């Protein structure tokens, strides 16, 4: 059985990995994006994901037709 991670113990995501994720987010559909966000944000420190969060918001806006 796997315990939920303690948000205070999460590590910062490596910048190189965040850059890869940003490129990937640009082509994700709505369902893949939602699953990706749930997984990544519970695994890495949120402050290290700020640029990724902006890319996710932009992709959501594109998917919403905006």
N, C-alpha and C. Protein backbone atom coordinates (compact mmCIF):
# COMPACT_ATOMS: atom_id res chain seq x y z
N UNK A 1 0.85 -1.17 0.00
CA UNK A 1 0.00 0.00 0.00
C UNK A 1 0.89 1.24 0.00
N UNK A 2 0.54 2.22 -0.79
CA UNK A 2 1.33 3.44 -0.92
C UNK A 2 0.65 4.58 -0.18
N UNK A 3 1.37 5.25 0.67
CA UNK A 3 0.83 6.39 1.40
C UNK A 3 0.87 7.64 0.53
N UNK A 4 -0.04 8.56 0.79
CA UNK A 4 -0.03 9.82 0.07
C UNK A 4 1.22 10.60 0.48
N UNK A 5 1.85 11.29 -0.47
CA UNK A 5 3.06 12.04 -0.13
C UNK A 5 2.73 13.22 0.77
N UNK A 6 3.64 13.55 1.64
CA UNK A 6 3.51 14.72 2.50
C UNK A 6 3.90 15.94 1.69
N UNK A 7 2.98 16.91 1.49
CA UNK A 7 3.30 18.08 0.66
C UNK A 7 4.50 18.86 1.17
N UNK A 8 4.81 18.76 2.45
CA UNK A 8 5.95 19.48 2.99
C UNK A 8 7.27 18.80 2.66
N UNK A 9 7.21 17.57 2.18
CA UNK A 9 8.42 16.81 1.86
C UNK A 9 8.67 16.69 0.36
N UNK A 10 7.84 17.33 -0.45
CA UNK A 10 8.01 17.23 -1.90
C UNK A 10 9.24 18.01 -2.35
N UNK A 11 9.93 17.45 -3.33
CA UNK A 11 11.12 18.10 -3.89
C UNK A 11 10.73 19.00 -5.06
N UNK A 12 11.61 19.92 -5.35
CA UNK A 12 11.42 20.79 -6.51
C UNK A 12 11.63 19.96 -7.78
N UNK A 13 10.78 20.21 -8.76
CA UNK A 13 10.92 19.53 -10.04
C UNK A 13 12.13 20.08 -10.78
N UNK A 14 12.94 19.22 -11.38
CA UNK A 14 14.09 19.69 -12.16
C UNK A 14 13.63 20.57 -13.33
N UNK A 15 14.34 21.66 -13.56
CA UNK A 15 13.96 22.60 -14.62
C UNK A 15 13.90 21.94 -15.99
N UNK A 16 14.82 21.02 -16.25
CA UNK A 16 14.84 20.34 -17.55
C UNK A 16 13.57 19.51 -17.73
N UNK A 17 13.12 18.89 -16.68
CA UNK A 17 11.90 18.08 -16.75
C UNK A 17 10.68 18.97 -16.95
N UNK A 18 10.64 20.09 -16.26
CA UNK A 18 9.53 21.03 -16.42
C UNK A 18 9.46 21.51 -17.87
N UNK A 19 10.60 21.76 -18.48
CA UNK A 19 10.62 22.19 -19.88
C UNK A 19 10.06 21.12 -20.81
N UNK A 20 10.38 19.87 -20.55
CA UNK A 20 9.83 18.76 -21.34
C UNK A 20 8.32 18.70 -21.16
N UNK A 21 7.88 18.84 -19.93
CA UNK A 21 6.44 18.79 -19.65
C UNK A 21 5.70 19.93 -20.35
N UNK A 22 6.30 21.11 -20.35
CA UNK A 22 5.67 22.26 -21.01
C UNK A 22 5.45 21.96 -22.49
N UNK A 23 6.44 21.37 -23.14
CA UNK A 23 6.28 21.02 -24.56
C UNK A 23 5.19 19.96 -24.73
N UNK A 24 5.11 19.03 -23.82
CA UNK A 24 4.11 17.96 -23.90
C UNK A 24 2.69 18.48 -23.69
N UNK A 25 2.54 19.39 -22.76
CA UNK A 25 1.23 19.95 -22.43
C UNK A 25 0.59 20.60 -23.65
N UNK A 26 1.38 21.15 -24.53
CA UNK A 26 0.87 21.88 -25.69
C UNK A 26 0.01 21.02 -26.62
N UNK A 27 0.16 19.69 -26.53
CA UNK A 27 -0.59 18.82 -27.44
C UNK A 27 -1.57 17.88 -26.71
N UNK A 28 -1.68 18.02 -25.40
CA UNK A 28 -2.56 17.12 -24.64
C UNK A 28 -4.03 17.48 -24.84
N UNK A 29 -4.87 16.45 -24.84
CA UNK A 29 -6.30 16.70 -24.83
C UNK A 29 -6.73 16.97 -23.39
N UNK A 30 -7.99 17.31 -23.22
CA UNK A 30 -8.51 17.70 -21.91
C UNK A 30 -8.33 16.61 -20.85
N UNK A 31 -8.63 15.37 -21.19
CA UNK A 31 -8.53 14.28 -20.23
C UNK A 31 -7.08 13.99 -19.84
N UNK A 32 -6.20 13.95 -20.83
CA UNK A 32 -4.78 13.72 -20.55
C UNK A 32 -4.21 14.84 -19.69
N UNK A 33 -4.62 16.06 -19.97
CA UNK A 33 -4.15 17.22 -19.21
C UNK A 33 -4.59 17.12 -17.75
N UNK A 34 -5.83 16.76 -17.52
CA UNK A 34 -6.34 16.64 -16.15
C UNK A 34 -5.60 15.55 -15.38
N UNK A 35 -5.38 14.43 -16.01
CA UNK A 35 -4.65 13.34 -15.37
C UNK A 35 -3.20 13.74 -15.08
N UNK A 36 -2.58 14.38 -16.03
CA UNK A 36 -1.20 14.84 -15.89
C UNK A 36 -1.08 15.81 -14.71
N UNK A 37 -1.98 16.78 -14.63
CA UNK A 37 -1.93 17.78 -13.56
C UNK A 37 -2.09 17.11 -12.20
N UNK A 38 -3.04 16.20 -12.08
CA UNK A 38 -3.24 15.51 -10.78
C UNK A 38 -1.98 14.77 -10.37
N UNK A 39 -1.37 14.10 -11.30
CA UNK A 39 -0.17 13.31 -10.99
C UNK A 39 1.03 14.19 -10.64
N UNK A 40 1.28 15.18 -11.45
CA UNK A 40 2.48 16.01 -11.26
C UNK A 40 2.39 16.86 -10.00
N UNK A 41 1.24 17.48 -9.77
CA UNK A 41 1.14 18.39 -8.63
C UNK A 41 1.14 17.66 -7.29
N UNK A 42 0.86 16.38 -7.26
CA UNK A 42 0.96 15.66 -5.99
C UNK A 42 2.34 15.04 -5.82
N UNK A 43 3.19 15.14 -6.84
CA UNK A 43 4.51 14.52 -6.79
C UNK A 43 5.66 15.50 -6.63
N UNK A 44 5.42 16.77 -6.96
CA UNK A 44 6.49 17.77 -6.96
C UNK A 44 6.04 19.03 -6.24
N UNK A 45 6.99 19.78 -5.75
CA UNK A 45 6.72 21.04 -5.06
C UNK A 45 6.05 22.03 -6.02
N UNK A 46 4.93 22.59 -5.60
CA UNK A 46 4.13 23.46 -6.47
C UNK A 46 4.90 24.70 -6.93
N UNK A 47 5.73 25.27 -6.07
CA UNK A 47 6.48 26.48 -6.45
C UNK A 47 7.39 26.23 -7.65
N UNK A 48 7.88 25.02 -7.78
CA UNK A 48 8.77 24.70 -8.91
C UNK A 48 8.01 24.46 -10.21
N UNK A 49 6.68 24.48 -10.13
CA UNK A 49 5.85 24.18 -11.29
C UNK A 49 5.14 25.42 -11.84
N UNK A 50 5.57 26.61 -11.43
CA UNK A 50 4.87 27.84 -11.84
C UNK A 50 4.83 28.01 -13.35
N UNK A 51 5.94 27.80 -14.03
CA UNK A 51 5.94 27.97 -15.49
C UNK A 51 5.09 26.90 -16.15
N UNK A 52 5.09 25.71 -15.58
CA UNK A 52 4.24 24.64 -16.09
C UNK A 52 2.77 24.99 -15.88
N UNK A 53 2.44 25.57 -14.74
CA UNK A 53 1.06 25.96 -14.47
C UNK A 53 0.58 26.97 -15.51
N UNK A 54 1.44 27.90 -15.91
CA UNK A 54 1.07 28.87 -16.94
C UNK A 54 0.80 28.16 -18.27
N UNK A 55 1.63 27.18 -18.61
CA UNK A 55 1.42 26.41 -19.85
C UNK A 55 0.13 25.61 -19.79
N UNK A 56 -0.17 25.04 -18.64
CA UNK A 56 -1.43 24.29 -18.46
C UNK A 56 -2.61 25.23 -18.63
N UNK A 57 -2.56 26.41 -18.01
CA UNK A 57 -3.65 27.38 -18.14
C UNK A 57 -3.84 27.80 -19.59
N UNK A 58 -2.74 28.00 -20.32
CA UNK A 58 -2.83 28.37 -21.72
C UNK A 58 -3.46 27.26 -22.55
N UNK A 59 -3.08 26.03 -22.27
CA UNK A 59 -3.64 24.89 -23.01
C UNK A 59 -5.14 24.75 -22.72
N UNK A 60 -5.50 24.92 -21.45
CA UNK A 60 -6.94 24.86 -21.11
C UNK A 60 -7.73 25.92 -21.85
N UNK A 61 -7.17 27.11 -21.95
CA UNK A 61 -7.83 28.18 -22.69
C UNK A 61 -7.98 27.82 -24.17
N UNK A 62 -6.95 27.20 -24.74
CA UNK A 62 -7.04 26.75 -26.14
C UNK A 62 -8.12 25.70 -26.31
N UNK A 63 -8.18 24.77 -25.37
CA UNK A 63 -9.18 23.70 -25.46
C UNK A 63 -10.59 24.24 -25.26
N UNK A 64 -10.71 25.35 -24.51
CA UNK A 64 -12.02 25.98 -24.30
C UNK A 64 -12.40 26.89 -25.44
N UNK A 65 -11.50 27.00 -26.43
CA UNK A 65 -11.79 27.82 -27.61
C UNK A 65 -11.41 29.28 -27.46
N UNK A 66 -10.59 29.57 -26.45
CA UNK A 66 -10.24 30.97 -26.19
C UNK A 66 -8.91 31.36 -26.62
